Amino acid sequence: YDAVLDRYTDVITLAALTYRLAWDIGPALSAYAWLAGLLAAVGGLMTSYSWHLIKTALGGGDVAWPAILSDSRDVRMLLVAVGSVLAHVDPRLLLAPLAWIALVTNAKAFYRLAVAHKLLRK
């Protein structure tokens, strides 16, 4: 129940952030904002889904992953908060946290899927 509400708030937050970023940086760069926002939202959803898949494949636990590349909700929301503050200096600075979230969450989701696929095919 709580996890479902968390996913909704993540998507709503990232959608609002992306909309505002696209508005602020103008039409020339707005496609990058929409792409990063979409991939960040998808990555956030897939992080949760892939965690359940790998937990089943491993019989509990998670894959080994560098701590610096954390995909936890807390880290994602901290990046959004820091990016929002930095956006007051230059709105384009908000693109970096969105792109980071998109990259890390999707990379970990794909890695989990690859590990689960390998384990479940045995």
C-alpha atoms as a PDB file:
ATOM      1  CA  TYR A   1       0.000   0.000   0.000  1.00  0.00           C
ATOM      2  CA  ASP A   2       2.688   2.463   1.043  1.00  0.00           C
ATOM      3  CA  ALA A   3       4.973   1.434  -1.821  1.00  0.00           C
ATOM      4  CA  VAL A   4       2.216   2.104  -4.353  1.00  0.00           C
ATOM      5  CA  LEU A   5       1.632   5.594  -2.966  1.00  0.00           C
ATOM      6  CA  ASP A   6       5.389   6.204  -3.037  1.00  0.00           C
ATOM      7  CA  ARG A   7       5.493   5.351  -6.744  1.00  0.00           C
ATOM      8  CA  TYR A   8       2.593   7.704  -7.450  1.00  0.00           C
ATOM      9  CA  THR A   9       4.280  10.558  -5.601  1.00  0.00           C
ATOM     10  CA  ASP A  10       7.570   9.855  -7.380  1.00  0.00           C
ATOM     11  CA  VAL A  11       5.933  10.051 -10.794  1.00  0.00           C
ATOM     12  CA  ILE A  12       3.933  13.167  -9.914  1.00  0.00           C
ATOM     13  CA  THR A  13       7.011  14.890  -8.487  1.00  0.00           C
ATOM     14  CA  LEU A  14       9.172  14.030 -11.486  1.00  0.00           C
ATOM     15  CA  ALA A  15       6.422  15.033 -13.926  1.00  0.00           C
ATOM     16  CA  ALA A  16       5.975  18.421 -12.255  1.00  0.00           C
ATOM     17  CA  LEU A  17       9.721  18.941 -12.119  1.00  0.00           C
ATOM     18  CA  THR A  18      10.113  17.999 -15.775  1.00  0.00           C
ATOM     19  CA  TYR A  19       7.270  20.259 -16.853  1.00  0.00           C
ATOM     20  CA  ARG A  20       8.739  23.214 -14.995  1.00  0.00           C
ATOM     21  CA  LEU A  21      12.222  22.503 -16.317  1.00  0.00           C
ATOM     22  CA  ALA A  22      10.976  22.251 -19.910  1.00  0.00           C
ATOM     23  CA  TRP A  23       9.114  25.519 -19.453  1.00  0.00           C
ATOM     24  CA  ASP A  24      12.130  27.319 -17.966  1.00  0.00           C
ATOM     25  CA  ILE A  25      14.778  26.195 -20.449  1.00  0.00           C
ATOM     26  CA  GLY A  26      12.667  26.871 -23.512  1.00  0.00           C
ATOM     27  CA  PRO A  27      11.908  24.955 -26.676  1.00  0.00           C
ATOM     28  CA  ALA A  28      15.528  24.525 -27.762  1.00  0.00           C
ATOM     29  CA  LEU A  29      16.380  22.220 -24.839  1.00  0.00           C
ATOM     30  CA  SER A  30      12.961  21.082 -23.651  1.00  0.00           C
ATOM     31  CA  ALA A  31      13.205  17.745 -25.482  1.00  0.00           C
ATOM     32  CA  TYR A  32      16.165  16.841 -23.246  1.00  0.00           C
ATOM     33  CA  ALA A  33      14.139  17.717 -20.174  1.00  0.00           C
ATOM     34  CA  TRP A  34      11.218  15.543 -21.282  1.00  0.00           C
ATOM     35  CA  LEU A  35      13.506  12.637 -22.167  1.00  0.00           C
ATOM     36  CA  ALA A  36      15.364  12.802 -18.848  1.00  0.00           C
ATOM     37  CA  GLY A  37      12.111  13.173 -16.920  1.00  0.00           C
ATOM     38  CA  LEU A  38      10.475  10.237 -18.667  1.00  0.00           C
ATOM     39  CA  LEU A  39      13.493   7.993 -18.154  1.00  0.00           C
ATOM     40  CA  ALA A  40      13.770   9.074 -14.509  1.00  0.00           C
ATOM     41  CA  ALA A  41      10.106   8.226 -13.890  1.00  0.00           C
ATOM     42  CA  VAL A  42      10.380   4.874 -15.665  1.00  0.00           C
ATOM     43  CA  GLY A  43      13.613   4.099 -13.830  1.00  0.00           C
ATOM     44  CA  GLY A  44      12.004   4.865 -10.489  1.00  0.00           C
ATOM     45  CA  LEU A  45       9.154   2.492 -11.231  1.00  0.00           C
ATOM     46  CA  MET A  46      11.438  -0.225 -12.587  1.00  0.00           C
ATOM     47  CA  THR A  47      13.703   0.020  -9.545  1.00  0.00           C
ATOM     48  CA  SER A  48      10.861  -1.144  -7.344  1.00  0.00           C
ATOM     49  CA  TYR A  49       9.624  -3.773  -9.769  1.00  0.00           C
ATOM     50  CA  SER A  50      13.075  -5.207 -10.487  1.00  0.00           C
ATOM     51  CA  TRP A  51      13.856  -5.376  -6.765  1.00  0.00           C
ATOM     52  CA  HIS A  52      10.924  -7.739  -6.268  1.00  0.00           C
ATOM     53  CA  LEU A  53      12.039  -9.822  -9.241  1.00  0.00           C
ATOM     54  CA  ILE A  54      15.630 -10.166  -8.053  1.00  0.00           C
ATOM     55  CA  LYS A  55      14.488 -10.868  -4.503  1.00  0.00           C
ATOM     56  CA  THR A  56      12.566 -13.856  -5.851  1.00  0.00           C
ATOM     57  CA  ALA A  57      15.454 -14.993  -8.058  1.00  0.00           C
ATOM     58  CA  LEU A  58      18.005 -14.767  -5.251  1.00  0.00           C
ATOM     59  CA  GLY A  59      15.698 -16.098  -2.573  1.00  0.00           C
ATOM     60  CA  GLY A  60      16.010 -12.785  -0.727  1.00  0.00           C
ATOM     61  CA  GLY A  61      18.521  -9.978  -0.861  1.00  0.00           C
ATOM     62  CA  ASP A  62      19.662  -7.841  -3.756  1.00  0.00           C
ATOM     63  CA  VAL A  63      22.446  -7.687  -6.324  1.00  0.00           C
ATOM     64  CA  ALA A  64      25.830  -6.224  -5.451  1.00  0.00           C
ATOM     65  CA  TRP A  65      25.816  -2.578  -6.523  1.00  0.00           C
ATOM     66  CA  PRO A  66      28.181   0.324  -5.745  1.00  0.00           C
ATOM     67  CA  ALA A  67      26.854   2.440  -2.883  1.00  0.00           C
ATOM     68  CA  ILE A  68      27.776   5.632  -4.740  1.00  0.00           C
ATOM     69  CA  LEU A  69      25.200   4.643  -7.363  1.00  0.00           C
ATOM     70  CA  SER A  70      22.346   4.293  -4.909  1.00  0.00           C
ATOM     71  CA  ASP A  71      18.914   4.177  -6.496  1.00  0.00           C
ATOM     72  CA  SER A  72      16.967   4.451  -3.258  1.00  0.00           C
ATOM     73  CA  ARG A  73      13.968   6.730  -3.077  1.00  0.00           C
ATOM     74  CA  ASP A  74      15.686   8.845  -0.421  1.00  0.00           C
ATOM     75  CA  VAL A  75      18.642   9.539  -2.694  1.00  0.00           C
ATOM     76  CA  ARG A  76      16.389  10.278  -5.664  1.00  0.00           C
ATOM     77  CA  MET A  77      14.344  12.791  -3.684  1.00  0.00           C
ATOM     78  CA  LEU A  78      17.505  14.386  -2.260  1.00  0.00           C
ATOM     79  CA  LEU A  79      18.795  14.862  -5.805  1.00  0.00           C
ATOM     80  CA  VAL A  80      15.473  16.423  -6.786  1.00  0.00           C
ATOM     81  CA  ALA A  81      15.648  18.791  -3.804  1.00  0.00           C
ATOM     82  CA  VAL A  82      19.251  19.833  -4.469  1.00  0.00           C
ATOM     83  CA  GLY A  83      18.521  20.242  -8.171  1.00  0.00           C
ATOM     84  CA  SER A  84      15.496  22.386  -7.381  1.00  0.00           C
ATOM     85  CA  VAL A  85      17.598  24.706  -5.241  1.00  0.00           C
ATOM     86  CA  LEU A  86      20.323  24.913  -7.882  1.00  0.00           C
ATOM     87  CA  ALA A  87      17.691  25.674 -10.521  1.00  0.00           C
ATOM     88  CA  HIS A  88      17.266  29.097  -8.932  1.00  0.00           C
ATOM     89  CA  VAL A  89      20.775  29.898 -10.177  1.00  0.00           C
ATOM     90  CA  ASP A  90      20.275  28.361 -13.618  1.00  0.00           C
ATOM     91  CA  PRO A  91      17.296  26.177 -14.566  1.00  0.00           C
ATOM     92  CA  ARG A  92      19.509  23.981 -16.747  1.00  0.00           C
ATOM     93  CA  LEU A  93      21.206  22.700 -13.582  1.00  0.00           C
ATOM     94  CA  LEU A  94      18.059  20.721 -12.830  1.00  0.00           C
ATOM     95  CA  LEU A  95      18.704  18.589 -15.888  1.00  0.00           C
ATOM     96  CA  ALA A  96      21.746  16.963 -14.235  1.00  0.00           C
ATOM     97  CA  PRO A  97      19.883  15.345 -11.299  1.00  0.00           C
ATOM     98  CA  LEU A  98      17.110  14.172 -13.621  1.00  0.00           C
ATOM     99  CA  ALA A  99      19.629  12.620 -15.990  1.00  0.00           C
ATOM    100  CA  TRP A 100      21.506  11.017 -13.075  1.00  0.00           C
ATOM    101  CA  ILE A 101      18.309   9.491 -11.695  1.00  0.00           C
ATOM    102  CA  ALA A 102      17.392   8.237 -15.169  1.00  0.00           C
ATOM    103  CA  LEU A 103      20.810   6.702 -15.749  1.00  0.00           C
ATOM    104  CA  VAL A 104      21.318   5.045 -12.362  1.00  0.00           C
ATOM    105  CA  THR A 105      17.807   3.681 -11.869  1.00  0.00           C
ATOM    106  CA  ASN A 106      17.557   2.215 -15.347  1.00  0.00           C
ATOM    107  CA  ALA A 107      21.082   0.797 -15.226  1.00  0.00           C
ATOM    108  CA  LYS A 108      20.356  -0.981 -11.956  1.00  0.00           C
ATOM    109  CA  ALA A 109      16.997  -2.246 -13.190  1.00  0.00           C
ATOM    110  CA  PHE A 110      18.614  -3.702 -16.325  1.00  0.00           C
ATOM    111  CA  TYR A 111      21.413  -5.210 -14.246  1.00  0.00           C
ATOM    112  CA  ARG A 112      18.900  -6.821 -11.905  1.00  0.00           C
ATOM    113  CA  LEU A 113      16.972  -8.184 -14.871  1.00  0.00           C
ATOM    114  CA  ALA A 114      20.137  -9.654 -16.369  1.00  0.00           C
ATOM    115  CA  VAL A 115      21.086 -11.323 -13.078  1.00  0.00           C
ATOM    116  CA  ALA A 116      17.550 -12.614 -12.526  1.00  0.00           C
ATOM    117  CA  HIS A 117      17.390 -13.943 -16.084  1.00  0.00           C
ATOM    118  CA  LYS A 118      20.647 -15.802 -15.597  1.00  0.00           C
ATOM    119  CA  LEU A 119      19.550 -17.269 -12.256  1.00  0.00           C
ATOM    120  CA  LEU A 120      16.032 -18.206 -13.295  1.00  0.00           C
ATOM    121  CA  ARG A 121      17.159 -19.947 -16.502  1.00  0.00           C
ATOM    122  CA  LYS A 122      19.178 -22.508 -14.547  1.00  0.00           C
END
